[in-house]
Amino acid sequence: MTGNKTVPTTASVNAFLEGIKDVIQQRDSIRLAEIMPELTGEFPLMWGPSIVGFGSYHYHYDSGREGDMLCVGFSPRKGKLALYVDAQSNQNKPLLSALGKYRSGKSCLYIKHLKDVDL
């Protein structure tokens, strides 16, 4: 059985953010790194080479697979920001209806720019 690829690292969040080449994406990522600790009560930590995560939880599946995963986080991707949140929960649906322009995946939201959503 292989381990998770997405694991916490000791890499610098600030160095990662400073290295984002797209100026708007860098500004938006820095803003997310500022507001996420206020919302989560957790400090940012790099998970793998490109995800900024906040908090963690331990999971254990019936199959025996277990590990740790970030509670929420984000990653600047080509042309969009990926926000790793519980986008499918019923309690979040009212919030999502008022969010603004986004697309959603199984466990993440994709937004082009922070200006497109209601922070």
Protein backbone atom coordinates (compact mmCIF):
# COMPACT_ATOMS: atom_id res chain seq x y z
CA MET A 1 0.00 0.00 0.00
CA THR A 2 1.41 3.41 -0.93
CA GLY A 3 1.37 6.44 1.33
CA ASN A 4 -0.26 9.79 0.73
CA LYS A 5 1.45 12.15 -1.67
CA THR A 6 -0.12 15.12 0.08
CA VAL A 7 1.73 15.38 3.38
CA PRO A 8 2.83 18.31 5.51
CA THR A 9 6.34 19.61 4.85
CA THR A 10 8.74 22.03 6.48
CA ALA A 11 8.85 24.23 3.36
CA SER A 12 8.26 27.94 3.87
CA VAL A 13 4.76 29.17 3.08
CA ASN A 14 6.10 32.71 2.56
CA ALA A 15 8.75 31.52 0.11
CA PHE A 16 6.09 29.56 -1.79
CA LEU A 17 3.79 32.58 -1.97
CA GLU A 18 6.63 34.89 -3.03
CA GLY A 19 7.49 32.45 -5.82
CA ILE A 20 4.07 32.63 -7.51
CA LYS A 21 4.77 34.20 -10.90
CA ASP A 22 1.30 35.48 -11.81
CA VAL A 23 0.96 38.81 -9.95
CA ILE A 24 -2.82 38.59 -9.44
CA GLN A 25 -2.67 34.98 -8.33
CA GLN A 26 0.16 35.86 -5.96
CA ARG A 27 -1.85 38.75 -4.47
CA ASP A 28 -4.93 36.54 -4.09
CA SER A 29 -2.91 33.73 -2.52
CA ILE A 30 -1.30 36.09 -0.02
CA ARG A 31 -4.76 37.40 0.88
CA LEU A 32 -6.04 33.86 1.42
CA ALA A 33 -3.02 33.11 3.61
CA GLU A 34 -3.95 36.17 5.69
CA ILE A 35 -7.65 35.43 6.15
CA MET A 36 -7.60 31.63 6.52
CA PRO A 37 -5.95 31.70 9.99
CA GLU A 38 -8.66 34.12 11.15
CA LEU A 39 -11.36 31.74 9.92
CA THR A 40 -9.79 28.44 10.98
CA GLY A 41 -7.73 29.33 14.03
CA GLU A 42 -4.85 27.43 12.39
CA PHE A 43 -1.50 28.56 11.03
CA PRO A 44 -0.56 27.88 7.39
CA LEU A 45 1.60 24.88 6.58
CA MET A 46 2.81 23.59 3.23
CA TRP A 47 1.32 20.25 2.20
CA GLY A 48 3.38 18.83 -0.60
CA PRO A 49 5.06 21.33 -2.90
CA SER A 50 2.04 23.49 -3.78
CA ILE A 51 -0.81 23.37 -1.25
CA VAL A 52 -1.12 25.77 1.68
CA GLY A 53 -3.13 23.98 4.37
CA PHE A 54 -4.76 24.95 7.64
CA GLY A 55 -5.36 22.35 10.32
CA SER A 56 -5.38 18.59 9.89
CA TYR A 57 -7.37 15.53 10.78
CA HIS A 58 -6.64 11.83 10.94
CA TYR A 59 -8.77 9.44 8.88
CA HIS A 60 -9.13 5.68 8.94
CA TYR A 61 -11.01 3.74 6.26
CA ASP A 62 -12.55 0.27 6.63
CA SER A 63 -9.94 -0.92 4.12
CA GLY A 64 -7.24 -0.23 6.69
CA ARG A 65 -5.86 2.81 4.87
CA GLU A 66 -5.30 5.72 7.19
CA GLY A 67 -3.46 8.99 7.25
CA ASP A 68 -3.60 12.69 7.91
CA MET A 69 -5.10 15.33 5.67
CA LEU A 70 -5.45 19.09 5.77
CA CYS A 71 -8.81 20.45 6.96
CA VAL A 72 -8.90 23.33 4.48
CA GLY A 73 -6.38 24.82 2.12
CA PHE A 74 -5.68 26.35 -1.24
CA SER A 75 -3.34 26.04 -4.17
CA PRO A 76 -2.68 28.39 -7.06
CA ARG A 77 -3.20 26.36 -10.21
CA LYS A 78 -2.89 27.39 -13.83
CA GLY A 79 -5.55 30.05 -14.39
CA LYS A 80 -7.41 29.46 -11.11
CA LEU A 81 -7.20 29.02 -7.38
CA ALA A 82 -8.19 25.64 -5.98
CA LEU A 83 -9.75 25.90 -2.53
CA TYR A 84 -9.81 22.59 -0.67
CA VAL A 85 -12.96 22.73 1.44
CA ASP A 86 -15.98 20.56 2.17
CA ALA A 87 -17.87 21.90 -0.84
CA GLN A 88 -20.47 19.12 -0.87
CA SER A 89 -21.82 19.36 2.68
CA ASN A 90 -25.42 20.45 3.12
CA GLN A 91 -24.47 23.06 5.69
CA ASN A 92 -22.27 24.84 3.14
CA LYS A 93 -24.83 25.00 0.32
CA PRO A 94 -26.40 28.30 1.48
CA LEU A 95 -22.93 29.84 1.67
CA LEU A 96 -22.04 28.62 -1.80
CA SER A 97 -25.21 30.09 -3.31
CA ALA A 98 -24.04 33.53 -2.16
CA LEU A 99 -20.34 33.06 -2.95
CA GLY A 100 -20.17 34.38 -6.50
CA LYS A 101 -18.41 32.93 -9.55
CA TYR A 102 -16.85 29.52 -8.95
CA ARG A 103 -16.79 25.96 -10.21
CA SER A 104 -16.76 22.99 -7.92
CA GLY A 105 -15.18 19.58 -7.88
CA LYS A 106 -15.60 16.69 -5.51
CA SER A 107 -13.80 18.35 -2.60
CA CYS A 108 -12.74 21.73 -3.90
CA LEU A 109 -13.87 25.03 -5.31
CA TYR A 110 -12.17 26.67 -8.25
CA ILE A 111 -12.18 30.44 -8.52
CA LYS A 112 -10.42 32.57 -11.06
CA HIS A 113 -9.87 35.63 -8.84
CA LEU A 114 -10.86 36.61 -5.32
CA LYS A 115 -12.61 39.67 -6.75
CA ASP A 116 -15.13 37.25 -8.30
CA VAL A 117 -16.38 36.01 -4.91
CA ASP A 118 -17.84 37.48 -1.73
CA LEU A 119 -15.13 37.04 0.87
